Amino acid sequence: VEGDFVAIAAGSLHSLALRRDGNVACWGLNHAGQAPPDGVEGDFIAIAAGGFHSLALRSDGNVACWGYNGHGEAPPDGVDG
């Protein structure tokens, strides 16, 4: 995966990398939507990867979530900051 990265995170079977422009690159297992092949666009400043979900902190303090949400760990609407 190519890019100008500033941070990385690893889940159980997927990985994320935060690009300098604020977008997130994703690769690996994506069976629950935790690693969309086209990445996730946004104004992110930090990332984290769980077992089968991913999180990213937006510059406004809100959190974006994607992937498995069977126990409320990744609400599709995100989390307000």
N, C-alpha and C. Protein backbone atom coordinates (compact mmCIF):
# COMPACT_ATOMS: atom_id res chain seq x y z
N VAL A 1 0.86 -1.18 0.00
CA VAL A 1 0.00 0.00 0.00
C VAL A 1 0.90 1.23 0.00
N GLU A 2 0.69 2.07 -0.98
CA GLU A 2 1.50 3.28 -1.09
C GLU A 2 0.77 4.47 -0.50
N GLY A 3 1.52 5.44 0.01
CA GLY A 3 0.91 6.66 0.52
C GLY A 3 1.84 7.40 1.46
N ASP A 4 1.45 8.59 1.78
CA ASP A 4 2.19 9.44 2.70
C ASP A 4 1.52 9.30 4.07
N PHE A 5 1.92 8.30 4.84
CA PHE A 5 1.23 7.93 6.07
C PHE A 5 1.84 8.59 7.31
N VAL A 6 0.97 8.84 8.30
CA VAL A 6 1.41 9.44 9.55
C VAL A 6 1.09 8.57 10.76
N ALA A 7 0.27 7.52 10.58
CA ALA A 7 -0.08 6.61 11.67
C ALA A 7 -0.58 5.30 11.09
N ILE A 8 -0.42 4.22 11.87
CA ILE A 8 -0.91 2.91 11.46
C ILE A 8 -1.63 2.25 12.63
N ALA A 9 -2.50 1.28 12.30
CA ALA A 9 -3.21 0.50 13.32
C ALA A 9 -3.49 -0.87 12.74
N ALA A 10 -3.50 -1.89 13.61
CA ALA A 10 -3.76 -3.26 13.16
C ALA A 10 -4.86 -3.89 13.99
N GLY A 11 -5.83 -4.50 13.29
CA GLY A 11 -6.88 -5.27 13.94
C GLY A 11 -6.52 -6.74 13.91
N SER A 12 -7.49 -7.61 14.09
CA SER A 12 -7.21 -9.04 14.07
C SER A 12 -6.65 -9.49 12.71
N LEU A 13 -7.35 -9.15 11.65
CA LEU A 13 -6.92 -9.57 10.31
C LEU A 13 -7.02 -8.43 9.30
N HIS A 14 -6.96 -7.19 9.77
CA HIS A 14 -6.97 -6.04 8.87
C HIS A 14 -6.06 -4.95 9.42
N SER A 15 -5.68 -4.04 8.53
CA SER A 15 -4.80 -2.94 8.91
C SER A 15 -5.32 -1.64 8.34
N LEU A 16 -4.95 -0.54 9.01
CA LEU A 16 -5.32 0.81 8.60
C LEU A 16 -4.07 1.67 8.59
N ALA A 17 -4.07 2.67 7.74
CA ALA A 17 -3.01 3.67 7.75
C ALA A 17 -3.64 5.03 7.50
N LEU A 18 -3.28 5.98 8.33
CA LEU A 18 -3.79 7.35 8.21
C LEU A 18 -2.87 8.13 7.28
N ARG A 19 -3.45 8.64 6.22
CA ARG A 19 -2.68 9.46 5.26
C ARG A 19 -2.55 10.89 5.78
N ARG A 20 -1.51 11.53 5.35
CA ARG A 20 -1.27 12.92 5.77
C ARG A 20 -2.44 13.83 5.41
N ASP A 21 -3.20 13.49 4.35
CA ASP A 21 -4.34 14.32 3.93
C ASP A 21 -5.61 14.07 4.75
N GLY A 22 -5.55 13.13 5.72
CA GLY A 22 -6.70 12.86 6.58
C GLY A 22 -7.57 11.69 6.16
N ASN A 23 -7.27 11.07 5.03
CA ASN A 23 -8.00 9.90 4.59
C ASN A 23 -7.37 8.63 5.18
N VAL A 24 -8.11 7.54 5.18
CA VAL A 24 -7.62 6.29 5.76
C VAL A 24 -7.52 5.22 4.66
N ALA A 25 -6.37 4.58 4.57
CA ALA A 25 -6.19 3.43 3.69
C ALA A 25 -6.46 2.17 4.51
N CYS A 26 -7.09 1.16 3.89
CA CYS A 26 -7.46 -0.07 4.58
C CYS A 26 -7.07 -1.26 3.72
N TRP A 27 -6.66 -2.35 4.37
CA TRP A 27 -6.40 -3.59 3.65
C TRP A 27 -6.53 -4.77 4.61
N GLY A 28 -6.67 -5.95 4.02
CA GLY A 28 -6.85 -7.17 4.81
C GLY A 28 -8.29 -7.66 4.75
N LEU A 29 -8.65 -8.52 5.72
CA LEU A 29 -9.99 -9.09 5.76
C LEU A 29 -11.04 -8.00 5.91
N ASN A 30 -12.08 -8.08 5.10
CA ASN A 30 -13.11 -7.05 5.10
C ASN A 30 -14.51 -7.66 5.19
N HIS A 31 -14.66 -8.82 5.80
CA HIS A 31 -15.96 -9.50 5.80
C HIS A 31 -17.03 -8.74 6.58
N ALA A 32 -16.67 -7.86 7.48
CA ALA A 32 -17.65 -7.08 8.24
C ALA A 32 -17.60 -5.60 7.87
N GLY A 33 -16.88 -5.27 6.80
CA GLY A 33 -16.76 -3.88 6.38
C GLY A 33 -15.71 -3.11 7.14
N GLN A 34 -14.82 -3.80 7.86
CA GLN A 34 -13.81 -3.14 8.68
C GLN A 34 -12.62 -2.60 7.88
N ALA A 35 -12.48 -3.05 6.64
CA ALA A 35 -11.34 -2.61 5.82
C ALA A 35 -11.77 -2.41 4.37
N PRO A 36 -12.60 -1.39 4.11
CA PRO A 36 -13.05 -1.16 2.73
C PRO A 36 -11.85 -0.97 1.79
N PRO A 37 -11.79 -1.70 0.69
CA PRO A 37 -10.64 -1.63 -0.22
C PRO A 37 -10.35 -0.22 -0.75
N ASP A 38 -11.39 0.60 -0.87
CA ASP A 38 -11.18 1.97 -1.36
C ASP A 38 -10.83 2.93 -0.24
N GLY A 39 -10.72 2.43 0.99
CA GLY A 39 -10.40 3.29 2.12
C GLY A 39 -11.60 4.10 2.58
N VAL A 40 -11.34 5.04 3.45
CA VAL A 40 -12.39 5.91 4.00
C VAL A 40 -11.90 7.35 3.90
N GLU A 41 -12.69 8.19 3.25
CA GLU A 41 -12.32 9.60 3.11
C GLU A 41 -12.79 10.38 4.33
N GLY A 42 -12.00 11.35 4.74
CA GLY A 42 -12.40 12.18 5.86
C GLY A 42 -11.30 13.12 6.29
N ASP A 43 -11.56 13.80 7.36
CA ASP A 43 -10.60 14.76 7.93
C ASP A 43 -10.07 14.18 9.24
N PHE A 44 -9.55 12.97 9.18
CA PHE A 44 -9.16 12.23 10.38
C PHE A 44 -7.79 12.64 10.90
N ILE A 45 -7.64 12.53 12.21
CA ILE A 45 -6.36 12.86 12.85
C ILE A 45 -5.79 11.69 13.64
N ALA A 46 -6.57 10.63 13.85
CA ALA A 46 -6.10 9.44 14.55
C ALA A 46 -6.96 8.26 14.14
N ILE A 47 -6.39 7.05 14.25
CA ILE A 47 -7.11 5.83 13.88
C ILE A 47 -6.89 4.75 14.93
N ALA A 48 -7.81 3.80 14.96
CA ALA A 48 -7.68 2.62 15.81
C ALA A 48 -8.40 1.46 15.13
N ALA A 49 -7.89 0.25 15.35
CA ALA A 49 -8.50 -0.94 14.77
C ALA A 49 -8.79 -1.94 15.87
N GLY A 50 -10.04 -2.44 15.89
CA GLY A 50 -10.41 -3.50 16.82
C GLY A 50 -10.36 -4.83 16.10
N GLY A 51 -10.93 -5.84 16.70
CA GLY A 51 -10.92 -7.16 16.08
C GLY A 51 -11.55 -7.16 14.70
N PHE A 52 -12.77 -6.63 14.59
CA PHE A 52 -13.48 -6.63 13.32
C PHE A 52 -14.18 -5.29 13.09
N HIS A 53 -13.65 -4.22 13.67
CA HIS A 53 -14.18 -2.88 13.45
C HIS A 53 -13.02 -1.89 13.43
N SER A 54 -13.31 -0.70 12.92
CA SER A 54 -12.31 0.35 12.82
C SER A 54 -12.90 1.66 13.28
N LEU A 55 -12.05 2.52 13.82
CA LEU A 55 -12.47 3.83 14.33
C LEU A 55 -11.49 4.88 13.84
N ALA A 56 -12.00 6.09 13.65
CA ALA A 56 -11.13 7.20 13.27
C ALA A 56 -11.65 8.47 13.94
N LEU A 57 -10.75 9.22 14.51
CA LEU A 57 -11.07 10.48 15.17
C LEU A 57 -11.01 11.61 14.15
N ARG A 58 -12.11 12.33 14.02
CA ARG A 58 -12.17 13.48 13.10
C ARG A 58 -11.55 14.72 13.77
N SER A 59 -11.15 15.66 12.96
CA SER A 59 -10.54 16.88 13.49
C SER A 59 -11.49 17.69 14.36
N ASP A 60 -12.82 17.46 14.21
CA ASP A 60 -13.79 18.19 15.04
C ASP A 60 -14.09 17.47 16.36
N GLY A 61 -13.41 16.34 16.62
CA GLY A 61 -13.60 15.61 17.87
C GLY A 61 -14.62 14.49 17.80
N ASN A 62 -15.32 14.34 16.69
CA ASN A 62 -16.26 13.23 16.53
C ASN A 62 -15.53 11.98 16.07
N VAL A 63 -16.13 10.82 16.29
CA VAL A 63 -15.52 9.55 15.92
C VAL A 63 -16.33 8.87 14.82
N ALA A 64 -15.67 8.45 13.76
CA ALA A 64 -16.29 7.66 12.71
C ALA A 64 -16.02 6.19 13.00
N CYS A 65 -17.01 5.33 12.73
CA CYS A 65 -16.90 3.90 13.01
C CYS A 65 -17.35 3.11 11.80
N TRP A 66 -16.69 1.99 11.54
CA TRP A 66 -17.15 1.09 10.50
C TRP A 66 -16.70 -0.33 10.84
N GLY A 67 -17.44 -1.29 10.29
CA GLY A 67 -17.16 -2.70 10.56
C GLY A 67 -18.21 -3.33 11.44
N TYR A 68 -17.86 -4.41 12.10
CA TYR A 68 -18.79 -5.18 12.93
C TYR A 68 -19.29 -4.36 14.11
N ASN A 69 -20.62 -4.39 14.31
CA ASN A 69 -21.24 -3.62 15.39
C ASN A 69 -22.21 -4.48 16.19
N GLY A 70 -21.91 -5.75 16.33
CA GLY A 70 -22.81 -6.67 17.01
C GLY A 70 -23.03 -6.39 18.48
N HIS A 71 -22.10 -5.65 19.10
CA HIS A 71 -22.21 -5.34 20.52
C HIS A 71 -22.13 -3.83 20.76
N GLY A 72 -22.37 -3.04 19.73
CA GLY A 72 -22.35 -1.58 19.85
C GLY A 72 -20.96 -0.97 19.80
N GLU A 73 -19.96 -1.74 19.35
CA GLU A 73 -18.59 -1.23 19.33
C GLU A 73 -18.28 -0.30 18.16
N ALA A 74 -19.12 -0.28 17.15
CA ALA A 74 -18.87 0.55 15.97
C ALA A 74 -20.17 1.11 15.41
N PRO A 75 -20.83 2.02 16.14
CA PRO A 75 -22.10 2.56 15.66
C PRO A 75 -21.95 3.20 14.27
N PRO A 76 -22.77 2.78 13.29
CA PRO A 76 -22.63 3.30 11.93
C PRO A 76 -22.71 4.82 11.82
N ASP A 77 -23.42 5.47 12.73
CA ASP A 77 -23.52 6.93 12.70
C ASP A 77 -22.38 7.59 13.44
N GLY A 78 -21.47 6.82 13.97
CA GLY A 78 -20.34 7.37 14.69
C GLY A 78 -20.71 7.77 16.11
N VAL A 79 -19.78 8.49 16.74
CA VAL A 79 -19.95 8.95 18.12
C VAL A 79 -19.63 10.44 18.17
N ASP A 80 -20.56 11.22 18.68
CA ASP A 80 -20.32 12.67 18.80
C ASP A 80 -19.27 12.94 19.87
N GLY A 81 -18.43 13.93 19.59
CA GLY A 81 -17.37 14.30 20.54
C GLY A 81 -17.81 15.40 21.45
